[in-house]
Structure formats: C-alpha cells, structure tokens
C-alpha cells in the first residue's frame, strides 16, 4: 500500500462499488459510496 501511494495511487478501503456505467463521451462512471466518479 505504501508503494502504491508513493506512485500516486488513491486507495479507498471500506468503499464498495455499486455499478459501472459507460459514459456517453467515453470512459466510465463508477458509483461507489453513493457518489459517481469518472474514469477512462
């Protein structure tokens, strides 16, 4: 985990992903903890 953080990774434990939706403009929207987050 320390190695990943040193490389800029964001580790969100205790956070379940509910669904993944393809975005109209490309990429994906991940719903986790009731919030939506865009990713490539």
ModelCIF file with pLDDT and N, C-alpha, C, O atoms, coordinates in Angstrom:
data_MODEL
#
_entry.id   MODEL 
#
_entity.id                         1 
_entity.type                       polymer 
_entity.pdbx_number_of_molecules   1 
#
_entity_poly.entity_id                      1 
_entity_poly.type                           'polypeptide(L)' 
_entity_poly.nstd_linkage                   no 
_entity_poly.nstd_monomer                   no 
_entity_poly.pdbx_seq_one_letter_code       
;(UNK)(UNK)(UNK)(UNK)(UNK)(UNK)(UNK)(UNK)(UNK)(UNK)(UNK)(UNK)(UNK)(UNK)(UNK)(UNK)
(UNK)(UNK)(UNK)(UNK)(UNK)(UNK)(UNK)(UNK)(UNK)(UNK)(UNK)(UNK)(UNK)(UNK)(UNK)(UNK)
(UNK)(UNK)(UNK)(UNK)(UNK)(UNK)(UNK)(UNK)
;
_entity_poly.pdbx_seq_one_letter_code_can   XXXXXXXXXXXXXXXXXXXXXXXXXXXXXXXXXXXXXXXX 
_entity_poly.pdbx_strand_id                 A 
#
loop_
_entity_poly_seq.entity_id 
_entity_poly_seq.num 
_entity_poly_seq.mon_id 
_entity_poly_seq.hetero 
1 1  UNK n 
1 2  UNK n 
1 3  UNK n 
1 4  UNK n 
1 5  UNK n 
1 6  UNK n 
1 7  UNK n 
1 8  UNK n 
1 9  UNK n 
1 10 UNK n 
1 11 UNK n 
1 12 UNK n 
1 13 UNK n 
1 14 UNK n 
1 15 UNK n 
1 16 UNK n 
1 17 UNK n 
1 18 UNK n 
1 19 UNK n 
1 20 UNK n 
1 21 UNK n 
1 22 UNK n 
1 23 UNK n 
1 24 UNK n 
1 25 UNK n 
1 26 UNK n 
1 27 UNK n 
1 28 UNK n 
1 29 UNK n 
1 30 UNK n 
1 31 UNK n 
1 32 UNK n 
1 33 UNK n 
1 34 UNK n 
1 35 UNK n 
1 36 UNK n 
1 37 UNK n 
1 38 UNK n 
1 39 UNK n 
1 40 UNK n 
#
_struct_asym.id          A 
_struct_asym.entity_id   1 
#
loop_
_ma_qa_metric.id 
_ma_qa_metric.mode 
_ma_qa_metric.name 
_ma_qa_metric.software_group_id 
_ma_qa_metric.type 
1 global pLDDT . pLDDT 
2 local  pLDDT . pLDDT 
#
_ma_qa_metric_global.metric_id      1 
_ma_qa_metric_global.metric_value   96.92 
_ma_qa_metric_global.model_id       1 
_ma_qa_metric_global.ordinal_id     1 
#
loop_
_ma_qa_metric_local.label_asym_id 
_ma_qa_metric_local.label_comp_id 
_ma_qa_metric_local.label_seq_id 
_ma_qa_metric_local.metric_id 
_ma_qa_metric_local.metric_value 
_ma_qa_metric_local.model_id 
_ma_qa_metric_local.ordinal_id 
A UNK 1  2 98.00 1 1  
A UNK 2  2 98.00 1 2  
A UNK 3  2 98.00 1 3  
A UNK 4  2 98.00 1 4  
A UNK 5  2 98.00 1 5  
A UNK 6  2 98.00 1 6  
A UNK 7  2 98.00 1 7  
A UNK 8  2 98.00 1 8  
A UNK 9  2 98.00 1 9  
A UNK 10 2 98.00 1 10 
A UNK 11 2 98.00 1 11 
A UNK 12 2 98.00 1 12 
A UNK 13 2 98.00 1 13 
A UNK 14 2 98.00 1 14 
A UNK 15 2 98.00 1 15 
A UNK 16 2 97.00 1 16 
A UNK 17 2 98.00 1 17 
A UNK 18 2 98.00 1 18 
A UNK 19 2 98.00 1 19 
A UNK 20 2 98.00 1 20 
A UNK 21 2 98.00 1 21 
A UNK 22 2 97.00 1 22 
A UNK 23 2 96.00 1 23 
A UNK 24 2 92.00 1 24 
A UNK 25 2 90.00 1 25 
A UNK 26 2 94.00 1 26 
A UNK 27 2 97.00 1 27 
A UNK 28 2 98.00 1 28 
A UNK 29 2 98.00 1 29 
A UNK 30 2 98.00 1 30 
A UNK 31 2 98.00 1 31 
A UNK 32 2 97.00 1 32 
A UNK 33 2 89.00 1 33 
A UNK 34 2 91.00 1 34 
A UNK 35 2 96.00 1 35 
A UNK 36 2 97.00 1 36 
A UNK 37 2 98.00 1 37 
A UNK 38 2 98.00 1 38 
A UNK 39 2 98.00 1 39 
A UNK 40 2 98.00 1 40 
#
loop_
_atom_site.group_PDB 
_atom_site.id 
_atom_site.type_symbol 
_atom_site.label_atom_id 
_atom_site.label_alt_id 
_atom_site.label_comp_id 
_atom_site.label_asym_id 
_atom_site.label_entity_id 
_atom_site.label_seq_id 
_atom_site.pdbx_PDB_ins_code 
_atom_site.Cartn_x 
_atom_site.Cartn_y 
_atom_site.Cartn_z 
_atom_site.occupancy 
_atom_site.B_iso_or_equiv 
_atom_site.pdbx_formal_charge 
_atom_site.auth_seq_id 
_atom_site.auth_comp_id 
_atom_site.auth_asym_id 
_atom_site.auth_atom_id 
_atom_site.pdbx_PDB_model_num 
ATOM 1   N N  . UNK A 1 1  ? 0.837   -1.202 0.000   1.00 98.00 ? 1  UNK A N  1 
ATOM 2   C CA . UNK A 1 1  ? 0.000   0.000  0.000   1.00 98.00 ? 1  UNK A CA 1 
ATOM 3   C C  . UNK A 1 1  ? 0.870   1.248  0.000   1.00 98.00 ? 1  UNK A C  1 
ATOM 4   O O  . UNK A 1 1  ? 0.580   2.205  -0.718  1.00 98.00 ? 1  UNK A O  1 
ATOM 5   N N  . UNK A 1 2  ? 1.934   1.248  0.800   1.00 98.00 ? 2  UNK A N  1 
ATOM 6   C CA . UNK A 1 2  ? 2.848   2.385  0.790   1.00 98.00 ? 2  UNK A CA 1 
ATOM 7   C C  . UNK A 1 2  ? 3.501   2.574  -0.563  1.00 98.00 ? 2  UNK A C  1 
ATOM 8   O O  . UNK A 1 2  ? 3.664   3.704  -1.022  1.00 98.00 ? 2  UNK A O  1 
ATOM 9   N N  . UNK A 1 3  ? 3.874   1.483  -1.205  1.00 98.00 ? 3  UNK A N  1 
ATOM 10  C CA . UNK A 1 3  ? 4.461   1.542  -2.547  1.00 98.00 ? 3  UNK A CA 1 
ATOM 11  C C  . UNK A 1 3  ? 3.480   2.172  -3.534  1.00 98.00 ? 3  UNK A C  1 
ATOM 12  O O  . UNK A 1 3  ? 3.862   3.025  -4.335  1.00 98.00 ? 3  UNK A O  1 
ATOM 13  N N  . UNK A 1 4  ? 2.230   1.754  -3.474  1.00 98.00 ? 4  UNK A N  1 
ATOM 14  C CA . UNK A 1 4  ? 1.221   2.303  -4.388  1.00 98.00 ? 4  UNK A CA 1 
ATOM 15  C C  . UNK A 1 4  ? 1.004   3.792  -4.140  1.00 98.00 ? 4  UNK A C  1 
ATOM 16  O O  . UNK A 1 4  ? 0.897   4.574  -5.086  1.00 98.00 ? 4  UNK A O  1 
ATOM 17  N N  . UNK A 1 5  ? 0.939   4.176  -2.891  1.00 98.00 ? 5  UNK A N  1 
ATOM 18  C CA . UNK A 1 5  ? 0.732   5.601  -2.592  1.00 98.00 ? 5  UNK A CA 1 
ATOM 19  C C  . UNK A 1 5  ? 1.910   6.439  -3.073  1.00 98.00 ? 5  UNK A C  1 
ATOM 20  O O  . UNK A 1 5  ? 1.721   7.561  -3.543  1.00 98.00 ? 5  UNK A O  1 
ATOM 21  N N  . UNK A 1 6  ? 3.115   5.910  -2.960  1.00 98.00 ? 6  UNK A N  1 
ATOM 22  C CA . UNK A 1 6  ? 4.278   6.649  -3.458  1.00 98.00 ? 6  UNK A CA 1 
ATOM 23  C C  . UNK A 1 6  ? 4.222   6.842  -4.968  1.00 98.00 ? 6  UNK A C  1 
ATOM 24  O O  . UNK A 1 6  ? 4.851   7.751  -5.508  1.00 98.00 ? 6  UNK A O  1 
ATOM 25  N N  . UNK A 1 7  ? 3.471   5.989  -5.639  1.00 98.00 ? 7  UNK A N  1 
ATOM 26  C CA . UNK A 1 7  ? 3.286   6.135  -7.081  1.00 98.00 ? 7  UNK A CA 1 
ATOM 27  C C  . UNK A 1 7  ? 1.980   6.853  -7.414  1.00 98.00 ? 7  UNK A C  1 
ATOM 28  O O  . UNK A 1 7  ? 1.520   6.815  -8.555  1.00 98.00 ? 7  UNK A O  1 
ATOM 29  N N  . UNK A 1 8  ? 1.392   7.498  -6.430  1.00 98.00 ? 8  UNK A N  1 
ATOM 30  C CA . UNK A 1 8  ? 0.238   8.356  -6.668  1.00 98.00 ? 8  UNK A CA 1 
ATOM 31  C C  . UNK A 1 8  ? -1.103  7.670  -6.633  1.00 98.00 ? 8  UNK A C  1 
ATOM 32  O O  . UNK A 1 8  ? -2.106  8.303  -6.961  1.00 98.00 ? 8  UNK A O  1 
ATOM 33  N N  . UNK A 1 9  ? -1.178  6.411  -6.253  1.00 98.00 ? 9  UNK A N  1 
ATOM 34  C CA . UNK A 1 9  ? -2.459  5.711  -6.222  1.00 98.00 ? 9  UNK A CA 1 
ATOM 35  C C  . UNK A 1 9  ? -3.293  6.173  -5.030  1.00 98.00 ? 9  UNK A C  1 
ATOM 36  O O  . UNK A 1 9  ? -2.768  6.478  -3.959  1.00 98.00 ? 9  UNK A O  1 
ATOM 37  N N  . UNK A 1 10 ? -4.588  6.216  -5.242  1.00 98.00 ? 10 UNK A N  1 
ATOM 38  C CA . UNK A 1 10 ? -5.556  6.563  -4.203  1.00 98.00 ? 10 UNK A CA 1 
ATOM 39  C C  . UNK A 1 10 ? -6.234  5.274  -3.754  1.00 98.00 ? 10 UNK A C  1 
ATOM 40  O O  . UNK A 1 10 ? -6.960  4.659  -4.535  1.00 98.00 ? 10 UNK A O  1 
ATOM 41  N N  . UNK A 1 11 ? -6.011  4.853  -2.506  1.00 98.00 ? 11 UNK A N  1 
ATOM 42  C CA . UNK A 1 11 ? -6.555  3.594  -2.003  1.00 98.00 ? 11 UNK A CA 1 
ATOM 43  C C  . UNK A 1 11 ? -7.757  3.878  -1.115  1.00 98.00 ? 11 UNK A C  1 
ATOM 44  O O  . UNK A 1 11 ? -7.640  4.526  -0.075  1.00 98.00 ? 11 UNK A O  1 
ATOM 45  N N  . UNK A 1 12 ? -8.906  3.386  -1.540  1.00 98.00 ? 12 UNK A N  1 
ATOM 46  C CA . UNK A 1 12 ? -10.149 3.647  -0.813  1.00 98.00 ? 12 UNK A CA 1 
ATOM 47  C C  . UNK A 1 12 ? -10.695 2.342  -0.264  1.00 98.00 ? 12 UNK A C  1 
ATOM 48  O O  . UNK A 1 12 ? -11.540 1.700  -0.888  1.00 98.00 ? 12 UNK A O  1 
ATOM 49  N N  . UNK A 1 13 ? -10.212 1.955  0.897   1.00 98.00 ? 13 UNK A N  1 
ATOM 50  C CA . UNK A 1 13 ? -10.731 0.758  1.552   1.00 98.00 ? 13 UNK A CA 1 
ATOM 51  C C  . UNK A 1 13 ? -12.044 1.114  2.238   1.00 98.00 ? 13 UNK A C  1 
ATOM 52  O O  . UNK A 1 13 ? -12.349 2.284  2.469   1.00 98.00 ? 13 UNK A O  1 
ATOM 53  N N  . UNK A 1 14 ? -12.817 0.072  2.559   1.00 98.00 ? 14 UNK A N  1 
ATOM 54  C CA . UNK A 1 14 ? -14.116 0.287  3.168   1.00 98.00 ? 14 UNK A CA 1 
ATOM 55  C C  . UNK A 1 14 ? -15.098 0.975  2.233   1.00 98.00 ? 14 UNK A C  1 
ATOM 56  O O  . UNK A 1 14 ? -16.046 1.614  2.687   1.00 98.00 ? 14 UNK A O  1 
ATOM 57  N N  . UNK A 1 15 ? -14.876 0.846  0.931   1.00 98.00 ? 15 UNK A N  1 
ATOM 58  C CA . UNK A 1 15 ? -15.719 1.517  -0.060  1.00 98.00 ? 15 UNK A CA 1 
ATOM 59  C C  . UNK A 1 15 ? -16.125 0.522  -1.129  1.00 98.00 ? 15 UNK A C  1 
ATOM 60  O O  . UNK A 1 15 ? -15.297 0.104  -1.938  1.00 98.00 ? 15 UNK A O  1 
ATOM 61  N N  . UNK A 1 16 ? -17.391 0.141  -1.139  1.00 97.00 ? 16 UNK A N  1 
ATOM 62  C CA . UNK A 1 16 ? -17.889 -0.823 -2.118  1.00 97.00 ? 16 UNK A CA 1 
ATOM 63  C C  . UNK A 1 16 ? -18.354 -0.107 -3.381  1.00 97.00 ? 16 UNK A C  1 
ATOM 64  O O  . UNK A 1 16 ? -18.963 0.961  -3.309  1.00 97.00 ? 16 UNK A O  1 
ATOM 65  N N  . UNK A 1 17 ? -18.068 -0.694 -4.527  1.00 98.00 ? 17 UNK A N  1 
ATOM 66  C CA . UNK A 1 17 ? -18.552 -0.178 -5.812  1.00 98.00 ? 17 UNK A CA 1 
ATOM 67  C C  . UNK A 1 17 ? -19.904 -0.813 -6.105  1.00 98.00 ? 17 UNK A C  1 
ATOM 68  O O  . UNK A 1 17 ? -20.075 -2.027 -5.999  1.00 98.00 ? 17 UNK A O  1 
ATOM 69  N N  . UNK A 1 18 ? -20.854 0.027  -6.473  1.00 98.00 ? 18 UNK A N  1 
ATOM 70  C CA . UNK A 1 18 ? -22.219 -0.450 -6.724  1.00 98.00 ? 18 UNK A CA 1 
ATOM 71  C C  . UNK A 1 18 ? -22.449 -0.782 -8.187  1.00 98.00 ? 18 UNK A C  1 
ATOM 72  O O  . UNK A 1 18 ? -23.064 -1.802 -8.499  1.00 98.00 ? 18 UNK A O  1 
ATOM 73  N N  . UNK A 1 19 ? -21.963 0.063  -9.092  1.00 98.00 ? 19 UNK A N  1 
ATOM 74  C CA . UNK A 1 19 ? -22.147 -0.204 -10.508 1.00 98.00 ? 19 UNK A CA 1 
ATOM 75  C C  . UNK A 1 19 ? -21.138 0.584  -11.324 1.00 98.00 ? 19 UNK A C  1 
ATOM 76  O O  . UNK A 1 19 ? -20.481 1.499  -10.827 1.00 98.00 ? 19 UNK A O  1 
ATOM 77  N N  . UNK A 1 20 ? -21.031 0.200  -12.604 1.00 98.00 ? 20 UNK A N  1 
ATOM 78  C CA . UNK A 1 20 ? -20.136 0.858  -13.556 1.00 98.00 ? 20 UNK A CA 1 
ATOM 79  C C  . UNK A 1 20 ? -20.950 1.127  -14.820 1.00 98.00 ? 20 UNK A C  1 
ATOM 80  O O  . UNK A 1 20 ? -21.592 0.224  -15.355 1.00 98.00 ? 20 UNK A O  1 
ATOM 81  N N  . UNK A 1 21 ? -20.920 2.365  -15.289 1.00 98.00 ? 21 UNK A N  1 
ATOM 82  C CA . UNK A 1 21 ? -21.732 2.757  -16.443 1.00 98.00 ? 21 UNK A CA 1 
ATOM 83  C C  . UNK A 1 21 ? -20.845 3.378  -17.519 1.00 98.00 ? 21 UNK A C  1 
ATOM 84  O O  . UNK A 1 21 ? -20.091 4.307  -17.229 1.00 98.00 ? 21 UNK A O  1 
ATOM 85  N N  . UNK A 1 22 ? -20.921 2.879  -18.763 1.00 97.00 ? 22 UNK A N  1 
ATOM 86  C CA . UNK A 1 22 ? -20.188 3.551  -19.839 1.00 97.00 ? 22 UNK A CA 1 
ATOM 87  C C  . UNK A 1 22 ? -20.690 4.980  -20.012 1.00 97.00 ? 22 UNK A C  1 
ATOM 88  O O  . UNK A 1 22 ? -21.895 5.225  -20.051 1.00 97.00 ? 22 UNK A O  1 
ATOM 89  N N  . UNK A 1 23 ? -19.752 5.920  -20.115 1.00 96.00 ? 23 UNK A N  1 
ATOM 90  C CA . UNK A 1 23 ? -20.124 7.328  -20.261 1.00 96.00 ? 23 UNK A CA 1 
ATOM 91  C C  . UNK A 1 23 ? -20.335 7.658  -21.738 1.00 96.00 ? 23 UNK A C  1 
ATOM 92  O O  . UNK A 1 23 ? -19.660 7.105  -22.606 1.00 96.00 ? 23 UNK A O  1 
ATOM 93  N N  . UNK A 1 24 ? -21.271 8.556  -22.015 1.00 92.00 ? 24 UNK A N  1 
ATOM 94  C CA . UNK A 1 24 ? -21.598 8.904  -23.397 1.00 92.00 ? 24 UNK A CA 1 
ATOM 95  C C  . UNK A 1 24 ? -20.389 9.473  -24.131 1.00 92.00 ? 24 UNK A C  1 
ATOM 96  O O  . UNK A 1 24 ? -20.224 9.231  -25.326 1.00 92.00 ? 24 UNK A O  1 
ATOM 97  N N  . UNK A 1 25 ? -19.554 10.217 -23.441 1.00 90.00 ? 25 UNK A N  1 
ATOM 98  C CA . UNK A 1 25 ? -18.396 10.857 -24.052 1.00 90.00 ? 25 UNK A CA 1 
ATOM 99  C C  . UNK A 1 25 ? -17.156 9.967  -24.024 1.00 90.00 ? 25 UNK A C  1 
ATOM 100 O O  . UNK A 1 25 ? -16.071 10.414 -24.397 1.00 90.00 ? 25 UNK A O  1 
ATOM 101 N N  . UNK A 1 26 ? -17.300 8.721  -23.591 1.00 94.00 ? 26 UNK A N  1 
ATOM 102 C CA . UNK A 1 26 ? -16.176 7.811  -23.458 1.00 94.00 ? 26 UNK A CA 1 
ATOM 103 C C  . UNK A 1 26 ? -15.784 7.636  -22.005 1.00 94.00 ? 26 UNK A C  1 
ATOM 104 O O  . UNK A 1 26 ? -16.067 8.490  -21.165 1.00 94.00 ? 26 UNK A O  1 
ATOM 105 N N  . UNK A 1 27 ? -15.138 6.535  -21.720 1.00 97.00 ? 27 UNK A N  1 
ATOM 106 C CA . UNK A 1 27 ? -14.777 6.251  -20.344 1.00 97.00 ? 27 UNK A CA 1 
ATOM 107 C C  . UNK A 1 27 ? -15.940 5.652  -19.576 1.00 97.00 ? 27 UNK A C  1 
ATOM 108 O O  . UNK A 1 27 ? -16.895 5.147  -20.167 1.00 97.00 ? 27 UNK A O  1 
ATOM 109 N N  . UNK A 1 28 ? -15.854 5.711  -18.264 1.00 98.00 ? 28 UNK A N  1 
ATOM 110 C CA . UNK A 1 28 ? -16.836 5.042  -17.417 1.00 98.00 ? 28 UNK A CA 1 
ATOM 111 C C  . UNK A 1 28 ? -17.115 5.881  -16.175 1.00 98.00 ? 28 UNK A C  1 
ATOM 112 O O  . UNK A 1 28 ? -16.276 6.658  -15.721 1.00 98.00 ? 28 UNK A O  1 
ATOM 113 N N  . UNK A 1 29 ? -18.320 5.699  -15.642 1.00 98.00 ? 29 UNK A N  1 
ATOM 114 C CA . UNK A 1 29 ? -18.688 6.311  -14.373 1.00 98.00 ? 29 UNK A CA 1 
ATOM 115 C C  . UNK A 1 29 ? -18.841 5.199  -13.345 1.00 98.00 ? 29 UNK A C  1 
ATOM 116 O O  . UNK A 1 29 ? -19.642 4.280  -13.522 1.00 98.00 ? 29 UNK A O  1 
ATOM 117 N N  . UNK A 1 30 ? -18.066 5.292  -12.271 1.00 98.00 ? 30 UNK A N  1 
ATOM 118 C CA . UNK A 1 30 ? -18.103 4.300  -11.199 1.00 98.00 ? 30 UNK A CA 1 
ATOM 119 C C  . UNK A 1 30 ? -18.881 4.889  -10.032 1.00 98.00 ? 30 UNK A C  1 
ATOM 120 O O  . UNK A 1 30 ? -18.554 5.969  -9.540  1.00 98.00 ? 30 UNK A O  1 
ATOM 121 N N  . UNK A 1 31 ? -19.905 4.181  -9.594  1.00 98.00 ? 31 UNK A N  1 
ATOM 122 C CA . UNK A 1 31 ? -20.686 4.610  -8.430  1.00 98.00 ? 31 UNK A CA 1 
ATOM 123 C C  . UNK A 1 31 ? -20.201 3.848  -7.205  1.00 98.00 ? 31 UNK A C  1 
ATOM 124 O O  . UNK A 1 31 ? -20.276 2.621  -7.150  1.00 98.00 ? 31 UNK A O  1 
ATOM 125 N N  . UNK A 1 32 ? -19.708 4.586  -6.234  1.00 97.00 ? 32 UNK A N  1 
ATOM 126 C CA . UNK A 1 32 ? -19.167 3.982  -5.014  1.00 97.00 ? 32 UNK A CA 1 
ATOM 127 C C  . UNK A 1 32 ? -19.514 4.872  -3.837  1.00 97.00 ? 32 UNK A C  1 
ATOM 128 O O  . UNK A 1 32 ? -19.301 6.084  -3.879  1.00 97.00 ? 32 UNK A O  1 
ATOM 129 N N  . UNK A 1 33 ? -20.047 4.272  -2.795  1.00 89.00 ? 33 UNK A N  1 
ATOM 130 C CA . UNK A 1 33 ? -20.410 5.053  -1.620  1.00 89.00 ? 33 UNK A CA 1 
ATOM 131 C C  . UNK A 1 33 ? -21.446 6.122  -1.917  1.00 89.00 ? 33 UNK A C  1 
ATOM 132 O O  . UNK A 1 33 ? -21.472 7.160  -1.256  1.00 89.00 ? 33 UNK A O  1 
ATOM 133 N N  . UNK A 1 34 ? -22.301 5.880  -2.904  1.00 91.00 ? 34 UNK A N  1 
ATOM 134 C CA . UNK A 1 34 ? -23.347 6.826  -3.253  1.00 91.00 ? 34 UNK A CA 1 
ATOM 135 C C  . UNK A 1 34 ? -22.892 7.975  -4.124  1.00 91.00 ? 34 UNK A C  1 
ATOM 136 O O  . UNK A 1 34 ? -23.707 8.825  -4.483  1.00 91.00 ? 34 UNK A O  1 
ATOM 137 N N  . UNK A 1 35 ? -21.603 8.030  -4.482  1.00 96.00 ? 35 UNK A N  1 
ATOM 138 C CA . UNK A 1 35 ? -21.082 9.117  -5.319  1.00 96.00 ? 35 UNK A CA 1 
ATOM 139 C C  . UNK A 1 35 ? -20.602 8.555  -6.652  1.00 96.00 ? 35 UNK A C  1 
ATOM 140 O O  . UNK A 1 35 ? -20.204 7.394  -6.744  1.00 96.00 ? 35 UNK A O  1 
ATOM 141 N N  . UNK A 1 36 ? -20.648 9.403  -7.688  1.00 97.00 ? 36 UNK A N  1 
ATOM 142 C CA . UNK A 1 36 ? -20.214 8.985  -9.021  1.00 97.00 ? 36 UNK A CA 1 
ATOM 143 C C  . UNK A 1 36 ? -18.850 9.581  -9.339  1.00 97.00 ? 36 UNK A C  1 
ATOM 144 O O  . UNK A 1 36 ? -18.576 10.743 -9.040  1.00 97.00 ? 36 UNK A O  1 
ATOM 145 N N  . UNK A 1 37 ? -17.987 8.747  -9.959  1.00 98.00 ? 37 UNK A N  1 
ATOM 146 C CA . UNK A 1 37 ? -16.622 9.167  -10.261 1.00 98.00 ? 37 UNK A CA 1 
ATOM 147 C C  . UNK A 1 37 ? -16.276 8.739  -11.680 1.00 98.00 ? 37 UNK A C  1 
ATOM 148 O O  . UNK A 1 37 ? -16.471 7.575  -12.029 1.00 98.00 ? 37 UNK A O  1 
ATOM 149 N N  . UNK A 1 38 ? -15.762 9.657  -12.513 1.00 98.00 ? 38 UNK A N  1 
ATOM 150 C CA . UNK A 1 38 ? -15.425 9.308  -13.896 1.00 98.00 ? 38 UNK A CA 1 
ATOM 151 C C  . UNK A 1 38 ? -13.996 8.758  -14.019 1.00 98.00 ? 38 UNK A C  1 
ATOM 152 O O  . UNK A 1 38 ? -13.079 9.218  -13.338 1.00 98.00 ? 38 UNK A O  1 
ATOM 153 N N  . UNK A 1 39 ? -13.832 7.772  -14.895 1.00 98.00 ? 39 UNK A N  1 
ATOM 154 C CA . UNK A 1 39 ? -12.515 7.189  -15.175 1.00 98.00 ? 39 UNK A CA 1 
ATOM 155 C C  . UNK A 1 39 ? -12.423 6.846  -16.656 1.00 98.00 ? 39 UNK A C  1 
ATOM 156 O O  . UNK A 1 39 ? -13.434 6.611  -17.319 1.00 98.00 ? 39 UNK A O  1 
ATOM 157 N N  . UNK A 1 40 ? -11.207 6.822  -17.158 1.00 98.00 ? 40 UNK A N  1 
ATOM 158 C CA . UNK A 1 40 ? -11.004 6.419  -18.549 1.00 98.00 ? 40 UNK A CA 1 
ATOM 159 C C  . UNK A 1 40 ? -11.194 4.922  -18.732 1.00 98.00 ? 40 UNK A C  1 
ATOM 160 O O  . UNK A 1 40 ? -11.060 4.414  -19.845 1.00 98.00 ? 40 UNK A O  1 
#
